[in-house]
């Protein structure tokens, strides 16, 4: 996941801002704090305390928080899935109201739409004005300075320990958020349900375990290959293996994304090639002559996913709410891709 400045489109691994989503850059600035707005409810301050370990220590939380602010990139999905509507959500991408993609927005009901926080840098004044009783940055790249500032506003859970920034698996994010919200059992049930769905798909489609799958992207006309992140992890959970030629690209410990020159596009050959398109489709590597010569392209085993499509968003978030959507939408397309029939084309991703 994100450790250093490498191109990181959203399906590969989360990063900050549009440009950093493509080029692996980001940053944050500390601002002064102000406190205003309604106080936390009594419910949030009562009940047994829980301790949650994270990158910068251990945070103790009492009761059931009700004014939650998420400063990572996908925690809003976990909070909504566990029955809490956050008061503030850090926007990643998509431009949806409340920074909620459809799979989360449908759970909003009559609750107030969350206030959107900017993704490029933390606005501590804005966060403080929301009077949170819990701040979640589990799927984030918070610096220690940022964490310290946030912890002065409210109990704060930084990114998971023992993982790279933005690198915690969705199961661990669910467990940490569930503990923080005093909804451990509900979180465990969500994880179990989704893992059961993956298991069922593997049982229904043993051909997946006999196939290779790869995520690649087209960024400003350049090709990139990925071994880590939500979308590669999704393929792995379905039983797909990384192609040998692609596997050979990832020799460093973090298995960072690798740029692939047009002269070496053959390393993208796979039984299933998911291609995230992060530029004008007409300028995509998929429109080049050399790409069209790939067996995967000739045999109809490439699925192009526009940047702002729901499927790309679902794979990018890789959350307890988006994964069921991705399973519903992608599995039928994967079946068409691996069936060996060039005439079987998967439904176009819009």
Protein backbone atom coordinates (compact mmCIF):
# COMPACT_ATOMS: atom_id res chain seq x y z
CA UNK A 1 0.00 0.00 0.00
CA UNK A 2 1.05 3.63 0.17
CA UNK A 3 4.46 4.04 1.74
CA UNK A 4 6.37 6.16 -0.72
CA UNK A 5 5.66 8.37 -3.69
CA UNK A 6 4.52 5.94 -6.36
CA UNK A 7 1.60 6.21 -8.76
CA UNK A 8 -1.43 4.93 -6.88
CA UNK A 9 -4.75 5.03 -8.67
CA UNK A 10 -7.63 4.30 -6.42
CA UNK A 11 -8.16 0.66 -7.35
CA UNK A 12 -4.53 -0.07 -6.47
CA UNK A 13 -4.35 1.70 -3.13
CA UNK A 14 -5.89 4.77 -1.51
CA UNK A 15 -4.02 8.06 -1.43
CA UNK A 16 -4.83 11.73 -0.92
CA UNK A 17 -6.30 14.09 -3.55
CA UNK A 18 -6.81 13.62 -7.27
CA UNK A 19 -3.19 14.22 -8.20
CA UNK A 20 -1.88 12.06 -5.40
CA UNK A 21 -4.38 9.38 -6.40
CA UNK A 22 -2.42 9.24 -9.62
CA UNK A 23 1.08 10.17 -8.48
CA UNK A 24 1.25 9.11 -4.85
CA UNK A 25 1.68 12.58 -3.37
CA UNK A 26 -0.16 14.23 -0.52
CA UNK A 27 0.19 16.32 2.56
CA UNK A 28 -1.49 18.02 5.48
CA UNK A 29 -1.23 21.31 7.30
CA UNK A 30 -1.93 22.04 10.95
CA UNK A 31 -4.37 24.83 11.73
CA UNK A 32 -5.58 26.43 14.92
CA UNK A 33 -8.60 24.88 16.65
CA UNK A 34 -11.95 26.33 17.52
CA UNK A 35 -14.74 24.57 19.36
CA UNK A 36 -18.37 25.29 18.68
CA UNK A 37 -21.57 23.48 17.83
CA UNK A 38 -23.65 21.01 19.83
CA UNK A 39 -21.92 18.98 22.55
CA UNK A 40 -21.61 15.20 22.37
CA UNK A 41 -24.55 13.21 23.70
CA UNK A 42 -24.49 11.55 27.11
CA UNK A 43 -24.57 8.16 25.41
CA UNK A 44 -21.15 8.81 23.95
CA UNK A 45 -19.56 9.34 27.35
CA UNK A 46 -21.08 6.48 29.35
CA UNK A 47 -20.58 2.73 29.44
CA UNK A 48 -17.52 0.52 29.70
CA UNK A 49 -14.29 1.76 28.23
CA UNK A 50 -12.56 0.04 25.33
CA UNK A 51 -8.94 0.30 24.28
CA UNK A 52 -7.97 0.39 20.61
CA UNK A 53 -4.34 0.03 19.55
CA UNK A 54 -3.11 1.97 16.54
CA UNK A 55 0.07 3.30 14.97
CA UNK A 56 0.61 6.03 17.55
CA UNK A 57 -0.44 4.25 20.71
CA UNK A 58 -3.66 3.14 22.39
CA UNK A 59 -6.87 5.16 22.62
CA UNK A 60 -9.49 4.61 25.29
CA UNK A 61 -13.14 5.13 24.35
CA UNK A 62 -16.19 5.04 26.62
CA UNK A 63 -19.81 4.43 25.69
CA UNK A 64 -21.15 4.53 22.18
CA UNK A 65 -19.88 7.49 20.15
CA UNK A 66 -22.57 9.33 18.23
CA UNK A 67 -20.70 12.28 16.68
CA UNK A 68 -18.11 10.52 14.57
CA UNK A 69 -15.76 12.22 12.13
CA UNK A 70 -13.84 10.10 9.62
CA UNK A 71 -10.50 11.48 8.41
CA UNK A 72 -9.31 8.41 6.54
CA UNK A 73 -10.60 7.59 3.11
CA UNK A 74 -13.16 4.83 3.54
CA UNK A 75 -14.17 4.62 7.21
CA UNK A 76 -17.53 6.24 6.48
CA UNK A 77 -18.65 2.95 4.92
CA UNK A 78 -17.82 1.00 8.07
CA UNK A 79 -19.46 3.55 10.35
CA UNK A 80 -22.63 3.61 8.25
CA UNK A 81 -22.71 -0.18 8.06
CA UNK A 82 -22.63 -0.32 11.85
CA UNK A 83 -25.61 1.99 12.22
CA UNK A 84 -23.94 5.34 12.87
CA UNK A 85 -24.12 8.31 10.52
CA UNK A 86 -20.90 10.35 10.76
CA UNK A 87 -21.16 14.10 11.24
CA UNK A 88 -18.12 14.70 9.05
CA UNK A 89 -16.47 12.67 6.28
CA UNK A 90 -13.20 13.34 4.54
CA UNK A 91 -13.83 13.34 0.79
CA UNK A 92 -11.68 10.95 -1.22
CA UNK A 93 -13.17 10.98 -4.69
CA UNK A 94 -16.51 10.69 -6.43
CA UNK A 95 -18.10 14.05 -5.56
CA UNK A 96 -21.15 12.46 -3.91
CA UNK A 97 -23.26 14.26 -1.32
CA UNK A 98 -21.76 13.76 2.11
CA UNK A 99 -18.85 11.95 0.46
CA UNK A 100 -21.09 8.87 0.49
CA UNK A 101 -21.14 6.54 -2.50
CA UNK A 102 -24.53 4.96 -3.30
CA UNK A 103 -23.96 1.84 -1.19
CA UNK A 104 -23.53 4.06 1.87
CA UNK A 105 -25.98 6.81 0.95
CA UNK A 106 -28.85 4.33 0.85
CA UNK A 107 -28.38 3.83 4.59
CA UNK A 108 -28.67 7.53 5.38
CA UNK A 109 -32.44 7.49 5.85
CA UNK A 110 -33.64 10.62 7.62
CA UNK A 111 -30.25 11.37 9.16
CA UNK A 112 -28.47 14.57 8.26
CA UNK A 113 -26.00 14.32 5.41
CA UNK A 114 -22.43 14.40 6.76
CA UNK A 115 -20.38 17.54 6.33
CA UNK A 116 -17.67 17.00 3.74
CA UNK A 117 -14.06 17.55 4.80
CA UNK A 118 -11.41 18.36 2.18
CA UNK A 119 -9.12 15.53 1.16
CA UNK A 120 -6.00 17.55 0.36
CA UNK A 121 -5.27 18.56 3.94
CA UNK A 122 -6.90 18.28 7.34
CA UNK A 123 -8.98 21.30 8.33
CA UNK A 124 -8.68 21.13 12.12
CA UNK A 125 -10.92 24.12 12.67
CA UNK A 126 -13.70 22.49 10.66
CA UNK A 127 -13.25 19.21 12.51
CA UNK A 128 -13.27 20.91 15.89
CA UNK A 129 -16.44 22.82 15.02
CA UNK A 130 -18.23 19.50 14.49
CA UNK A 131 -17.63 18.63 18.16
CA UNK A 132 -16.86 14.97 17.51
CA UNK A 133 -16.74 12.40 20.28
CA UNK A 134 -14.67 10.07 18.07
CA UNK A 135 -12.30 10.64 15.15
CA UNK A 136 -11.43 7.70 12.91
CA UNK A 137 -8.34 7.62 10.71
CA UNK A 138 -7.89 3.87 10.41
CA UNK A 139 -7.50 3.88 6.62
CA UNK A 140 -5.28 6.92 6.49
CA UNK A 141 -1.76 8.25 6.39
CA UNK A 142 -1.96 10.48 9.46
CA UNK A 143 1.34 11.86 10.67
CA UNK A 144 2.09 11.78 14.37
CA UNK A 145 1.70 15.57 14.50
CA UNK A 146 -1.72 15.35 12.87
CA UNK A 147 -2.76 12.57 15.22
CA UNK A 148 -1.67 14.59 18.25
CA UNK A 149 -3.67 17.59 17.10
CA UNK A 150 -6.76 15.50 16.41
CA UNK A 151 -6.46 13.75 19.77
CA UNK A 152 -6.76 17.14 21.46
CA UNK A 153 -10.19 17.49 19.83
CA UNK A 154 -11.57 14.02 20.57
CA UNK A 155 -10.44 10.42 21.08
CA UNK A 156 -8.73 9.51 17.83
CA UNK A 157 -7.96 6.14 16.24
CA UNK A 158 -5.06 6.39 13.79
CA UNK A 159 -4.09 3.83 11.18
CA UNK A 160 -3.77 0.17 12.11
CA UNK A 161 -0.49 -0.99 13.65
CA UNK A 162 1.68 -3.49 11.79
CA UNK A 163 0.47 -2.29 8.39
CA UNK A 164 1.64 0.33 5.93
CA UNK A 165 -0.34 3.55 5.81
CA UNK A 166 -3.61 2.85 3.97
CA UNK A 167 -2.61 -0.81 4.12
CA UNK A 168 -4.92 -2.44 6.66
CA UNK A 169 -7.14 -5.16 5.22
CA UNK A 170 -10.84 -4.47 5.26
CA UNK A 171 -11.41 -7.09 7.95
CA UNK A 172 -9.08 -5.29 10.35
CA UNK A 173 -10.60 -1.90 9.60
CA UNK A 174 -14.00 -3.37 10.41
CA UNK A 175 -12.74 -4.83 13.68
CA UNK A 176 -11.12 -1.56 14.80
CA UNK A 177 -14.14 0.55 13.88
CA UNK A 178 -16.46 -1.97 15.51
CA UNK A 179 -14.51 -1.83 18.76
CA UNK A 180 -14.37 1.96 18.70
CA UNK A 181 -18.14 2.18 18.21
CA UNK A 182 -18.88 -0.55 20.79
CA UNK A 183 -20.33 -2.69 18.03
CA UNK A 184 -17.84 -5.55 17.92
CA UNK A 185 -20.42 -8.29 17.37
CA UNK A 186 -22.04 -6.41 14.51
CA UNK A 187 -18.66 -5.87 12.87
CA UNK A 188 -17.76 -9.53 13.20
CA UNK A 189 -21.07 -10.49 11.60
CA UNK A 190 -20.49 -8.15 8.67
CA UNK A 191 -17.04 -9.61 8.05
CA UNK A 192 -18.31 -13.18 8.34
CA UNK A 193 -21.12 -12.52 5.86
CA UNK A 194 -18.79 -11.04 3.25
CA UNK A 195 -16.16 -13.74 3.68
CA UNK A 196 -18.93 -16.31 3.22
CA UNK A 197 -19.90 -14.63 -0.04
CA UNK A 198 -16.31 -14.83 -1.30
CA UNK A 199 -16.20 -18.49 -0.30
CA UNK A 200 -19.44 -19.18 -2.16
CA UNK A 201 -18.15 -17.50 -5.32
CA UNK A 202 -14.96 -19.58 -5.17
CA UNK A 203 -17.07 -22.71 -4.80
CA UNK A 204 -19.38 -21.73 -7.66
CA UNK A 205 -16.49 -20.78 -9.97
CA UNK A 206 -13.53 -23.14 -9.49
CA UNK A 207 -12.22 -21.85 -12.81
CA UNK A 208 -11.13 -18.68 -11.01
CA UNK A 209 -8.55 -20.64 -9.01
CA UNK A 210 -7.12 -21.96 -12.27
CA UNK A 211 -6.81 -18.48 -13.79
CA UNK A 212 -4.58 -15.45 -13.46
CA UNK A 213 -5.81 -11.94 -12.77
CA UNK A 214 -4.10 -8.57 -12.85
CA UNK A 215 -4.98 -4.96 -12.14
CA UNK A 216 -3.39 -2.40 -14.44
CA UNK A 217 -4.12 1.26 -15.02
CA UNK A 218 -3.76 3.84 -17.70
CA UNK A 219 -2.61 7.15 -16.24
CA UNK A 220 -1.99 9.95 -18.71
CA UNK A 221 -1.24 7.37 -21.39
CA UNK A 222 1.16 5.38 -19.22
CA UNK A 223 0.61 1.82 -18.06
CA UNK A 224 1.04 0.67 -14.45
CA UNK A 225 0.75 -2.78 -12.90
CA UNK A 226 -0.30 -3.55 -9.32
CA UNK A 227 0.17 -6.38 -6.86
CA UNK A 228 -1.23 -4.78 -3.70
CA UNK A 229 -4.36 -2.82 -2.89
CA UNK A 230 -8.12 -3.34 -2.72
CA UNK A 231 -8.63 -4.45 -6.33
CA UNK A 232 -5.70 -6.91 -6.47
CA UNK A 233 -6.86 -8.18 -3.09
CA UNK A 234 -10.37 -8.64 -4.45
CA UNK A 235 -9.06 -10.85 -7.25
CA UNK A 236 -6.97 -12.83 -4.79
CA UNK A 237 -9.96 -13.42 -2.53
CA UNK A 238 -11.79 -14.86 -5.54
CA UNK A 239 -8.97 -17.31 -6.18
CA UNK A 240 -7.09 -15.60 -9.02
CA UNK A 241 -3.30 -15.74 -9.04
CA UNK A 242 -0.96 -13.03 -10.26
CA UNK A 243 0.61 -13.90 -13.64
CA UNK A 244 4.23 -15.00 -13.39
CA UNK A 245 5.57 -12.22 -15.62
CA UNK A 246 3.73 -9.59 -13.61
CA UNK A 247 4.80 -11.19 -10.32
CA UNK A 248 8.42 -10.81 -11.39
CA UNK A 249 7.98 -7.03 -11.48
CA UNK A 250 7.38 -6.76 -7.75
CA UNK A 251 10.74 -7.48 -6.17
CA UNK A 252 10.68 -4.85 -3.41
CA UNK A 253 9.24 -5.56 0.03
CA UNK A 254 6.30 -3.20 -0.35
CA UNK A 255 5.45 -4.56 -3.82
CA UNK A 256 4.94 -1.03 -5.04
CA UNK A 257 3.22 -0.34 -8.39
CA UNK A 258 5.44 -0.60 -11.43
CA UNK A 259 5.32 1.45 -14.58
CA UNK A 260 5.27 -0.68 -17.70
CA UNK A 261 6.65 0.75 -20.92
CA UNK A 262 4.68 0.30 -24.11
CA UNK A 263 7.52 -1.88 -25.40
CA UNK A 264 6.97 -4.33 -22.52
CA UNK A 265 3.19 -4.43 -22.30
CA UNK A 266 3.32 -8.20 -22.65
CA UNK A 267 3.86 -8.39 -18.90
CA UNK A 268 0.20 -7.39 -18.58
CA UNK A 269 -0.94 -10.66 -20.15
CA UNK A 270 -3.44 -12.38 -17.88
CA UNK A 271 -6.54 -14.52 -18.06
CA UNK A 272 -8.34 -11.48 -16.62
CA UNK A 273 -6.99 -7.96 -16.99
CA UNK A 274 -8.79 -5.18 -15.13
CA UNK A 275 -7.76 -1.83 -16.58
CA UNK A 276 -8.56 1.29 -14.61
CA UNK A 277 -8.78 4.25 -16.98
CA UNK A 278 -7.59 7.44 -15.28
CA UNK A 279 -7.47 9.67 -18.31
CA UNK A 280 -9.33 10.42 -21.51
CA UNK A 281 -10.41 7.01 -22.86
CA UNK A 282 -9.14 8.03 -26.28
CA UNK A 283 -5.66 8.47 -24.78
CA UNK A 284 -5.74 5.21 -22.83
CA UNK A 285 -3.04 2.61 -23.35
CA UNK A 286 -5.91 0.36 -24.42
CA UNK A 287 -6.18 2.43 -27.60
CA UNK A 288 -2.54 1.79 -28.60
CA UNK A 289 -1.58 -0.67 -31.32
CA UNK A 290 0.77 -2.57 -29.02
CA UNK A 291 -1.99 -3.12 -26.45
CA UNK A 292 -4.35 -4.38 -29.13
CA UNK A 293 -1.78 -7.07 -29.94
CA UNK A 294 -1.96 -8.56 -26.46
CA UNK A 295 -3.66 -11.95 -26.34
CA UNK A 296 -5.83 -10.62 -23.51
CA UNK A 297 -7.09 -7.86 -25.80
CA UNK A 298 -7.57 -10.11 -28.82
CA UNK A 299 -9.47 -12.69 -26.81
CA UNK A 300 -11.74 -10.26 -24.99
CA UNK A 301 -10.23 -10.74 -21.53
CA UNK A 302 -9.84 -7.02 -20.69
CA UNK A 303 -12.34 -5.06 -18.63
CA UNK A 304 -11.94 -1.28 -18.75
CA UNK A 305 -13.19 0.62 -15.69
CA UNK A 306 -13.59 4.40 -15.97
CA UNK A 307 -12.24 6.34 -13.01
CA UNK A 308 -15.62 7.52 -11.72
CA UNK A 309 -17.61 4.38 -12.44
CA UNK A 310 -19.38 2.75 -9.51
CA UNK A 311 -17.46 -0.47 -10.05
CA UNK A 312 -14.12 1.31 -9.90
CA UNK A 313 -15.32 3.12 -6.79
CA UNK A 314 -16.45 -0.11 -5.16
CA UNK A 315 -13.15 -1.86 -5.83
CA UNK A 316 -11.22 1.21 -4.71
CA UNK A 317 -13.06 1.44 -1.38
CA UNK A 318 -12.90 -2.30 -0.77
CA UNK A 319 -15.15 -1.85 2.28
CA UNK A 320 -17.85 -3.83 4.06
CA UNK A 321 -20.44 -1.88 2.04
CA UNK A 322 -18.72 -1.68 -1.35
CA UNK A 323 -17.48 -5.27 -1.53
CA UNK A 324 -20.99 -6.77 -1.81
CA UNK A 325 -21.69 -4.33 -4.65
CA UNK A 326 -18.41 -5.31 -6.34
CA UNK A 327 -19.26 -8.98 -6.01
CA UNK A 328 -22.65 -8.43 -7.60
CA UNK A 329 -21.26 -6.38 -10.47
CA UNK A 330 -17.85 -7.88 -11.19
CA UNK A 331 -18.28 -11.63 -10.76
CA UNK A 332 -20.62 -12.03 -13.78
CA UNK A 333 -18.15 -10.03 -15.86
CA UNK A 334 -15.25 -12.20 -14.66
CA UNK A 335 -17.16 -15.30 -15.71
CA UNK A 336 -17.46 -13.86 -19.22
CA UNK A 337 -13.79 -12.90 -19.26
CA UNK A 338 -12.40 -16.33 -18.34
CA UNK A 339 -14.75 -18.54 -20.35
CA UNK A 340 -12.30 -18.79 -23.25
CA UNK A 341 -14.82 -17.52 -25.78
CA UNK A 342 -13.74 -14.26 -27.48
CA UNK A 343 -17.34 -13.74 -28.51
CA UNK A 344 -18.51 -13.52 -24.91
CA UNK A 345 -18.13 -9.90 -23.97
CA UNK A 346 -18.69 -8.68 -20.40
CA UNK A 347 -21.14 -5.88 -19.81
CA UNK A 348 -19.54 -2.49 -20.28
CA UNK A 349 -18.63 -0.63 -17.10
CA UNK A 350 -20.21 2.81 -16.94
